[in-house]
Protein backbone atom coordinates (compact mmCIF):
# COMPACT_ATOMS: atom_id res chain seq x y z
CA MET A 1 97.48 134.58 -79.21
CA ILE A 2 97.68 138.05 -78.17
CA SER A 3 100.16 138.76 -76.36
CA PRO A 4 98.48 140.09 -72.56
CA LEU A 5 96.61 136.58 -73.44
CA ARG A 6 99.65 134.97 -73.46
CA TRP A 7 99.23 133.34 -69.80
CA LEU A 8 96.27 131.28 -71.10
CA LEU A 9 97.99 129.31 -72.96
CA PRO A 10 98.86 125.54 -71.93
CA ALA A 11 101.70 124.90 -69.52
CA LYS A 12 104.55 123.70 -71.27
CA ALA A 13 105.94 119.84 -70.60
CA LYS A 14 108.26 119.92 -66.95
CA PRO A 15 111.02 116.63 -66.96
CA LEU A 16 109.93 113.35 -65.75
CA LEU A 17 109.58 113.18 -61.88
CA SER A 18 111.43 109.93 -60.36
CA LYS A 19 109.76 106.54 -60.62
CA GLU A 20 108.54 106.86 -56.75
CA LEU A 21 107.61 110.89 -57.34
CA ILE A 22 105.00 109.40 -59.62
CA ASP A 23 104.11 107.02 -58.39
CA ARG A 24 103.18 109.33 -54.70
CA SER A 25 102.31 112.58 -56.82
CA TYR A 26 100.39 110.67 -59.31
CA PRO A 27 97.23 109.60 -57.15
CA ARG A 28 97.28 113.03 -54.77
CA PHE A 29 97.25 115.30 -58.43
CA ARG A 30 93.98 112.86 -59.99
CA TRP A 31 92.41 113.44 -56.70
CA ARG A 32 92.97 117.44 -56.39
CA ILE A 33 91.18 117.77 -60.39
CA LEU A 34 88.34 115.18 -59.33
CA GLU A 35 87.77 117.46 -56.60
CA ALA A 36 88.08 121.32 -58.61
CA THR A 37 86.68 120.32 -61.95
CA PHE A 38 83.45 119.13 -58.87
CA ILE A 39 83.55 122.18 -57.10
CA GLY A 40 84.11 125.02 -59.74
CA TYR A 41 81.44 123.46 -61.90
CA ALA A 42 79.07 122.99 -59.17
CA THR A 43 79.57 126.53 -58.63
CA PHE A 44 78.79 127.26 -61.73
CA TYR A 45 75.57 126.29 -61.73
CA LEU A 46 75.08 129.08 -58.48
CA VAL A 47 75.77 131.87 -60.86
CA ARG A 48 73.16 130.80 -63.79
CA ASN A 49 70.52 128.68 -62.86
CA ASN A 50 69.18 131.33 -59.58
CA PHE A 51 67.42 133.26 -62.46
CA PRO A 52 65.17 130.91 -63.36
CA VAL A 53 64.02 130.23 -59.39
CA ILE A 54 63.42 133.80 -58.76
CA SER A 55 62.30 134.71 -61.67
CA LYS A 56 58.33 135.48 -60.89
CA GLU A 57 59.01 137.22 -58.59
CA MET A 58 61.94 139.41 -59.60
CA GLY A 59 59.69 139.76 -62.95
CA GLU A 60 56.76 141.03 -60.63
CA ALA A 61 58.74 143.35 -58.52
CA LEU A 62 59.66 145.18 -61.39
CA HIS A 63 56.51 144.34 -63.35
CA TYR A 64 57.34 142.44 -65.97
CA SER A 65 55.45 140.69 -68.46
CA GLN A 66 56.27 136.34 -68.67
CA GLU A 67 56.84 136.91 -72.24
CA GLN A 68 59.68 139.13 -70.93
CA ILE A 69 61.32 136.79 -69.13
CA THR A 70 60.87 134.11 -71.20
CA ASN A 71 62.39 136.14 -73.90
CA ILE A 72 65.93 136.86 -71.65
CA LEU A 73 66.00 133.24 -70.84
CA ALA A 74 65.46 131.99 -74.66
CA VAL A 75 68.46 134.25 -75.43
CA THR A 76 70.08 132.81 -72.62
CA ALA A 77 69.94 129.49 -73.63
CA ILE A 78 71.23 130.81 -76.70
CA THR A 79 74.35 132.12 -75.74
CA TYR A 80 75.13 129.25 -73.28
CA GLY A 81 75.52 126.70 -76.54
CA ILE A 82 77.00 128.92 -78.90
CA GLY A 83 79.61 129.92 -75.51
CA LYS A 84 80.19 125.80 -74.92
CA PHE A 85 80.77 125.42 -78.80
CA LEU A 86 83.75 128.87 -78.95
CA MET A 87 85.07 128.38 -75.79
CA GLY A 88 85.10 124.81 -76.19
CA ILE A 89 87.96 125.57 -78.41
CA LEU A 90 89.49 128.67 -77.11
CA SER A 91 89.40 126.05 -74.33
CA ASP A 92 91.57 122.87 -75.96
CA ARG A 93 94.35 125.89 -76.48
CA SER A 94 94.17 127.18 -72.96
CA ASN A 95 95.32 125.82 -69.54
CA PRO A 96 92.53 125.14 -67.20
CA LYS A 97 94.35 126.22 -64.11
CA TYR A 98 93.76 130.20 -65.22
CA PHE A 99 91.07 129.04 -68.30
CA MET A 100 88.44 128.05 -65.13
CA PRO A 101 88.91 130.31 -62.58
CA LEU A 102 88.31 133.59 -65.37
CA GLY A 103 85.27 132.10 -66.48
CA LEU A 104 83.53 132.54 -62.38
CA ILE A 105 84.84 136.01 -62.79
CA LEU A 106 83.05 137.07 -65.73
CA THR A 107 79.51 135.41 -64.99
CA ALA A 108 79.90 136.55 -60.93
CA ILE A 109 80.76 140.12 -62.49
CA CYS A 110 77.35 139.57 -65.10
CA ASN A 111 75.12 138.20 -61.97
CA LEU A 112 76.70 141.51 -59.30
CA PHE A 113 75.37 143.88 -62.25
CA PHE A 114 71.85 142.61 -62.77
CA GLY A 115 70.93 141.91 -59.30
CA ALA A 116 71.56 145.76 -59.54
CA SER A 117 70.03 147.03 -62.29
CA ASN A 118 66.03 148.55 -62.88
CA GLN A 119 66.51 148.66 -66.71
CA TYR A 120 65.52 145.65 -68.72
CA GLU A 121 67.38 145.53 -71.14
CA ILE A 122 69.96 145.88 -69.66
CA HIS A 123 68.50 142.88 -67.80
CA PHE A 124 68.28 141.07 -70.66
CA TYR A 125 71.63 142.16 -72.43
CA LEU A 126 73.78 141.01 -69.70
CA TRP A 127 72.03 137.60 -68.97
CA ALA A 128 72.62 137.26 -72.32
CA LEU A 129 76.40 137.78 -72.12
CA ASN A 130 76.44 135.88 -68.71
CA GLY A 131 75.03 132.75 -71.11
CA LEU A 132 78.02 133.44 -73.12
CA MET A 133 80.84 133.26 -70.35
CA GLN A 134 78.33 129.63 -68.68
CA GLY A 135 80.19 128.35 -72.04
CA MET A 136 83.67 128.36 -70.31
CA GLY A 137 82.62 125.88 -67.23
CA TRP A 138 82.22 122.74 -69.14
CA PRO A 139 85.23 123.38 -71.82
CA PRO A 140 87.92 122.81 -69.45
CA CYS A 141 86.56 120.77 -66.94
CA GLY A 142 86.45 118.34 -69.93
CA ARG A 143 89.68 118.54 -71.16
CA SER A 144 91.39 117.82 -67.29
CA LEU A 145 89.26 114.75 -66.73
CA GLY A 146 90.14 113.37 -70.24
CA HIS A 147 93.99 114.01 -69.21
CA TRP A 148 94.19 112.27 -65.69
CA PHE A 149 91.46 109.45 -65.89
CA GLY A 150 92.01 106.72 -68.90
CA VAL A 151 88.69 105.25 -70.82
CA SER A 152 88.81 102.03 -69.67
CA GLU A 153 87.36 103.86 -65.92
CA ARG A 154 85.68 106.67 -67.08
CA GLY A 155 81.96 105.66 -66.70
CA SER A 156 82.86 105.14 -62.98
CA LYS A 157 84.85 108.61 -62.40
CA PHE A 158 83.53 110.35 -64.72
CA ALA A 159 79.90 109.49 -63.17
CA ILE A 160 81.63 110.63 -59.60
CA TRP A 161 82.51 114.11 -61.29
CA ASN A 162 78.68 113.92 -62.78
CA ILE A 163 77.48 114.59 -59.46
CA ALA A 164 78.44 118.36 -59.62
CA HIS A 165 75.48 119.19 -62.28
CA ASN A 166 72.85 117.67 -59.53
CA VAL A 167 74.41 119.68 -56.32
CA GLY A 168 75.03 122.84 -58.09
CA GLY A 169 71.72 123.01 -59.41
CA GLY A 170 70.29 121.44 -55.88
CA LEU A 171 71.40 124.30 -54.00
CA VAL A 172 71.10 126.66 -56.26
CA GLY A 173 67.31 126.46 -55.86
CA ILE A 174 68.17 126.66 -52.22
CA ILE A 175 70.20 129.75 -51.89
CA ALA A 176 68.38 131.86 -54.90
CA ALA A 177 65.05 131.48 -52.88
CA TYR A 178 66.14 131.86 -49.55
CA SER A 179 67.98 134.89 -50.00
CA ALA A 180 65.57 136.42 -52.49
CA SER A 181 62.66 135.45 -49.27
CA TRP A 182 64.93 136.60 -46.47
CA TRP A 183 66.29 139.82 -47.83
CA GLY A 184 64.82 140.31 -51.39
CA TRP A 185 65.08 138.65 -55.19
CA ARG A 186 68.84 141.02 -55.69
CA ASN A 187 70.90 138.71 -53.03
CA ALA A 188 69.57 135.42 -54.85
CA PHE A 189 72.48 137.62 -57.71
CA TYR A 190 75.11 138.64 -55.04
CA ILE A 191 74.97 135.69 -53.32
CA PRO A 192 75.87 133.29 -55.45
CA ALA A 193 78.36 135.66 -56.94
CA LEU A 194 80.37 136.35 -54.02
CA ILE A 195 80.63 132.29 -53.89
CA ALA A 196 81.52 132.58 -57.28
CA ILE A 197 84.41 134.75 -56.86
CA VAL A 198 85.63 133.09 -53.62
CA THR A 199 85.86 129.85 -55.54
CA ALA A 200 87.48 131.29 -58.10
CA ILE A 201 90.03 131.77 -56.38
CA TYR A 202 90.62 128.37 -54.41
CA LEU A 203 90.66 127.27 -58.20
CA LEU A 204 93.72 129.45 -59.19
CA PHE A 205 95.48 127.06 -56.02
CA ARG A 206 94.01 123.33 -56.89
CA LEU A 207 93.74 123.53 -60.16
CA VAL A 208 97.02 122.49 -62.96
CA ASP A 209 96.99 121.63 -66.16
CA THR A 210 98.74 118.00 -67.91
CA PRO A 211 99.87 115.38 -65.99
CA GLN A 212 102.93 116.51 -68.52
CA SER A 213 103.39 119.76 -67.20
CA VAL A 214 104.13 119.02 -63.25
CA GLY A 215 106.18 116.05 -64.53
CA LEU A 216 103.63 113.22 -65.07
CA PRO A 217 103.70 110.74 -67.79
CA PRO A 218 100.36 110.51 -70.18
CA ILE A 219 97.48 108.95 -68.29
CA GLU A 220 97.64 106.38 -70.94
CA GLU A 221 101.34 105.64 -70.03
CA TYR A 222 100.95 105.89 -66.84
CA GLN A 223 97.67 103.00 -66.55
CA LYS A 224 99.27 101.65 -69.63
CA ASP A 225 94.76 102.00 -70.71
CA PRO A 226 94.71 99.51 -73.87
CA GLU A 227 91.65 100.90 -74.86
CA LYS A 228 92.50 104.08 -76.35
CA GLU A 229 96.71 102.63 -76.77
CA VAL A 230 94.86 100.40 -79.67
CA ARG A 231 93.17 103.59 -81.74
CA LEU A 232 96.18 106.41 -81.26
CA SER A 233 99.35 106.61 -80.13
CA ILE A 234 100.18 108.21 -76.66
CA GLN A 235 101.73 110.84 -78.88
CA GLU A 236 98.90 111.29 -80.69
CA GLN A 237 96.90 111.70 -78.10
CA GLU A 238 97.94 114.53 -76.24
CA LYS A 239 99.82 116.41 -78.99
CA GLU A 240 97.99 119.86 -78.71
CA LEU A 241 95.98 119.93 -81.83
CA SER A 242 95.14 123.50 -84.78
CA PHE A 243 92.29 125.58 -84.44
CA ARG A 244 91.98 124.10 -88.06
CA GLU A 245 92.53 120.84 -86.98
CA ILE A 246 89.82 120.79 -84.03
CA ILE A 247 87.28 122.06 -86.01
CA LEU A 248 86.88 120.47 -89.04
CA GLY A 249 88.73 117.09 -87.52
CA SER A 250 87.03 116.62 -84.04
CA VAL A 251 83.99 118.62 -84.91
CA LEU A 252 82.56 119.17 -88.13
CA LYS A 253 84.03 116.52 -90.09
CA ASN A 254 83.69 113.74 -86.68
CA HIS A 255 79.42 112.00 -87.56
CA TYR A 256 79.80 110.83 -83.89
CA VAL A 257 80.20 114.92 -82.87
CA TRP A 258 76.95 115.05 -85.46
CA THR A 259 74.55 111.94 -83.52
CA PHE A 260 75.30 113.05 -79.87
CA ALA A 261 74.76 116.27 -80.65
CA PHE A 262 71.31 116.03 -82.49
CA ALA A 263 70.30 113.07 -79.06
CA ASN A 264 71.36 115.97 -77.73
CA PHE A 265 69.27 118.73 -78.58
CA PHE A 266 65.88 116.71 -77.49
CA VAL A 267 67.76 115.30 -73.54
CA TYR A 268 68.57 119.86 -72.94
CA VAL A 269 65.07 120.66 -74.32
CA VAL A 270 63.40 118.02 -71.26
CA ARG A 271 65.80 119.48 -68.72
CA TYR A 272 65.73 123.14 -69.65
CA GLY A 273 61.85 123.14 -69.94
CA LEU A 274 62.54 121.98 -66.05
CA THR A 275 65.83 123.86 -64.44
CA ASP A 276 63.86 126.85 -66.36
CA ILE A 277 60.35 127.14 -66.21
CA GLY A 278 59.88 124.08 -63.58
CA PRO A 279 59.35 126.59 -60.83
CA THR A 280 57.32 129.44 -61.84
CA TYR A 281 55.09 126.30 -63.65
CA LEU A 282 54.26 125.15 -59.98
CA LYS A 283 54.06 128.24 -58.60
CA LEU A 284 51.75 129.51 -61.24
CA SER A 285 49.60 126.36 -61.96
CA LYS A 286 50.33 124.11 -58.63
CA GLY A 287 49.93 127.24 -56.44
CA ALA A 288 53.72 125.94 -54.79
CA SER A 289 56.19 128.89 -52.50
CA LEU A 290 58.79 130.55 -53.45
CA GLU A 291 60.94 128.63 -51.49
CA LYS A 292 58.91 124.88 -52.72
CA GLY A 293 59.82 125.95 -56.06
CA GLY A 294 63.52 126.25 -54.96
CA ILE A 295 63.18 123.47 -53.60
CA SER A 296 61.39 121.33 -56.26
CA THR A 297 64.95 122.11 -58.36
CA LEU A 298 66.94 120.93 -55.51
CA ILE A 299 64.38 117.40 -55.46
CA TYR A 300 64.39 116.83 -59.41
CA GLU A 301 68.88 117.59 -58.91
CA PHE A 302 69.88 115.37 -56.27
CA ALA A 303 67.36 112.49 -56.97
CA GLY A 304 69.54 112.12 -60.35
CA ILE A 305 73.32 111.84 -57.80
CA ALA A 306 72.34 107.82 -57.00
CA SER A 307 71.08 106.91 -60.80
CA THR A 308 74.41 109.05 -62.10
CA LEU A 309 76.55 106.55 -59.67
CA LEU A 310 74.87 103.66 -61.19
CA VAL A 311 74.66 103.85 -64.23
CA GLY A 312 78.21 105.29 -64.73
CA TRP A 313 79.19 102.01 -62.27
CA GLY A 314 76.33 99.74 -64.90
CA SER A 315 77.82 100.78 -68.26
CA ASP A 316 81.31 100.37 -67.55
CA LYS A 317 80.37 96.45 -66.87
CA LEU A 318 78.18 95.58 -69.21
CA GLY A 319 81.38 97.07 -71.53
CA GLY A 320 80.31 100.51 -71.99
CA LYS A 321 77.15 100.69 -73.79
CA ARG A 322 76.30 103.44 -71.83
CA GLY A 323 73.60 105.00 -75.36
CA MET A 324 71.78 101.94 -74.42
CA VAL A 325 71.09 102.49 -71.34
CA SER A 326 70.79 105.79 -71.60
CA LEU A 327 67.53 105.09 -74.31
CA LEU A 328 65.71 102.78 -71.61
CA CYS A 329 65.57 105.70 -69.15
CA MET A 330 63.81 108.01 -71.65
CA LEU A 331 61.02 106.07 -70.21
CA PRO A 332 59.90 106.39 -67.32
CA ILE A 333 60.72 110.45 -68.09
CA LEU A 334 58.20 110.58 -70.47
CA PHE A 335 55.62 108.38 -68.43
CA ALA A 336 56.36 111.54 -65.11
CA LEU A 337 56.18 114.29 -67.64
CA ILE A 338 52.89 113.76 -69.30
CA SER A 339 51.71 112.64 -65.55
CA LEU A 340 52.78 116.94 -64.78
CA LEU A 341 49.94 117.87 -66.87
CA PHE A 342 47.66 115.68 -64.63
CA THR A 343 48.42 115.79 -61.16
CA PRO A 344 45.72 117.47 -59.78
CA LEU A 345 45.43 121.18 -57.62
CA GLY A 346 46.56 120.87 -53.82
CA PHE A 347 48.70 117.39 -54.37
CA LEU A 348 52.25 119.66 -54.89
CA TRP A 349 54.38 116.34 -53.32
CA LEU A 350 53.01 114.35 -55.97
CA ASP A 351 54.60 116.98 -58.37
CA LEU A 352 57.62 117.28 -56.59
CA VAL A 353 57.85 113.04 -56.80
CA LEU A 354 57.18 113.47 -60.66
CA PHE A 355 60.21 116.41 -60.53
CA GLY A 356 62.46 113.58 -58.72
CA ILE A 357 61.50 110.62 -61.07
CA ILE A 358 62.55 113.13 -64.23
CA GLY A 359 65.58 114.17 -62.21
CA PHE A 360 66.68 110.52 -61.18
CA TYR A 361 66.19 109.18 -64.90
CA LEU A 362 67.89 112.23 -66.58
CA SER A 363 71.10 111.73 -64.88
CA THR A 364 72.50 109.02 -67.20
CA CYS A 365 72.03 111.53 -70.23
CA TYR A 366 74.74 113.72 -68.45
CA VAL A 367 76.77 110.26 -67.29
CA VAL A 368 76.59 109.24 -71.14
CA ARG A 369 78.48 112.63 -72.87
CA CYS A 370 81.63 112.72 -70.18
CA CYS A 371 82.33 108.90 -70.80
CA TRP A 372 81.84 109.64 -74.27
CA ALA A 373 84.46 112.71 -74.26
C-alpha cells in the first residue's frame, strides 16, 4: 500500500492480557464496538437519504425536471453499489477505527459542496461521488461485528445493531424536512454534514480494530463458539486475506454470495423505491406537505425496529432458519405495495400506515443480511 495510507492498515496484534483483564475488558470493548458502529452507520444515512426527502423542493427552486432528479437518484444507487463492492474489499484490509470516520468526512464534504452549488452537472457528479463514499459505511461495521460477536449470537446482537438503519433512515426524514422548511433546502445538506463530521471525530475515540489489536483473544476462543469452530480453525478465521483471496475465494467463487446478491437485488428495489421516491410520490400524488413527506420516512423506518429485534431473536431460536422467516415477511409487503396504488386522495393517514407495514416487514431482510455476514 502507498506509504501515506499505511495508517489505514489493520492494527497489529498486541501481547495477550491476563485472564482477569480479559474477562473485565472483553464485555466493555464489545459494547464500544456495538455502540460506535451503530452511531456511525446511522449517521451515514443522514448524509445519504437527505436528498430524496427534499428533492421536490430543491428541484422547484433550481428549476430541475423530475427526470433530472431521478437521474441523480439513479446514478447514486449505481455508485453506491460499486462503492460497497470496492470499499468492502478495501475495508477487509483496513482498520475500521480510521476507515469509517474517513468515509463520514468524505461524504460530509460532498454534502457541503452539494448544498452550496446551483448547477445540475455539479449536483449530478457530487451525489454520484457521495454514493461511492457511502460504500465506506457498512463494510467496516461488518468487519468489526464479525470479529467481536460469535455466530451463535449473531441473530440477536446483529438485530440490535441493525436498528441503526431504521434510526438513521428515520431521523433523516425529520432533520432534512424541517431544516429545509425552516431555513431553506440547502440546510438539509449543511446540518447533516456537520453532524457527520462531529460523529467522525467521536468514532476516532471509540472504535478499535480486532480483539487481538487490544490484547484480547479472538471471539471464537473467548466464547468457545462450536458452530464456527467446526468449519474453520481460529487461525484461519482471524487471518487477514489478500485482495486475490478476497475477490476469488470469498466473492466470485462463493455461490452463497451470488445467491444472496440475487435475492438482495429485489429487496433493494422495494427499499429504495420507498426511500428515494416515496416522499415525492406522497407529495405529488397524495397532496402531502414537505413535513409529512419527511414523517413518512420516519414511520417507514421506525416501524422496522420492533420487527428487527423480534426476528433477530426468533431466528436464533429457530436454529438460524432466517431465510424462511424473511420469505414469509414478503407477503404483507406485497399487499401494502399494491394497496398504495389504490388509496384515495385525502386518506394520507392510510398511506402512512401502509408505509409502516412495509417498513415493519422489510427490516427482517436486513437482519438476514447481517446474520449471514
